[in-house]
Amino acid sequence: MFLSADAEWVEMFRVMDRRDWLENRLALVVRRDAPDREPESLALGGEGVPAGKYARIALERSGMQVPSRVVYGASVRDVLSKVVAGAADAAIVYVTDAALAPEVRIARVFSEDAHPPIVYVAVLFTSGGRGYFEALRDPATLESAERRGFRRRP
């Protein structure tokens, strides 16, 4: 079984089953002690990182000024770590990842129309993963995900 925040990633695989699972949103995060001002540097996911793709669209659609210094990360967690470590003033990450780092605070949550819907897609490759695949529908699983900031699909 595989979960992806980018439906295009799963299109290249031959799968037994597929379903949309949960949704997420994007947030601009800064260090908890950062002053309220425009960031001078920004961390984004690289070209192959789904969060980076969504972030570039959100920046364009929202008209947010992109600082002259942009630092790229290999994953959304890598992007988040750049703010935690002080390598960037701000980062665009998923709301759920922002909640994992007590050193940061959300400065802005992007509106839903600022980027395409961020939908986590679950795919099943072999029957051996069927139990995990079906467990994604379990009410306890969904409630746990919601407590962590994910949203159920309508």
Foldseek 3Di string as FASTA:
>chain_A
DDKDLDPVVCVVDDFPDKDWFWFWFKFKKFFPPDDPDQWQEEEAEDPVEPRRVQVVLLCVQVVPDHHPHYHYDPYLLRRVVCRVVVVTGIYMHIPLSQVVDPRMDTPGIGDPVSGPIRIMMDTHHDPVCVVVVVCSPPPVNQVVVVVSGIGGDD
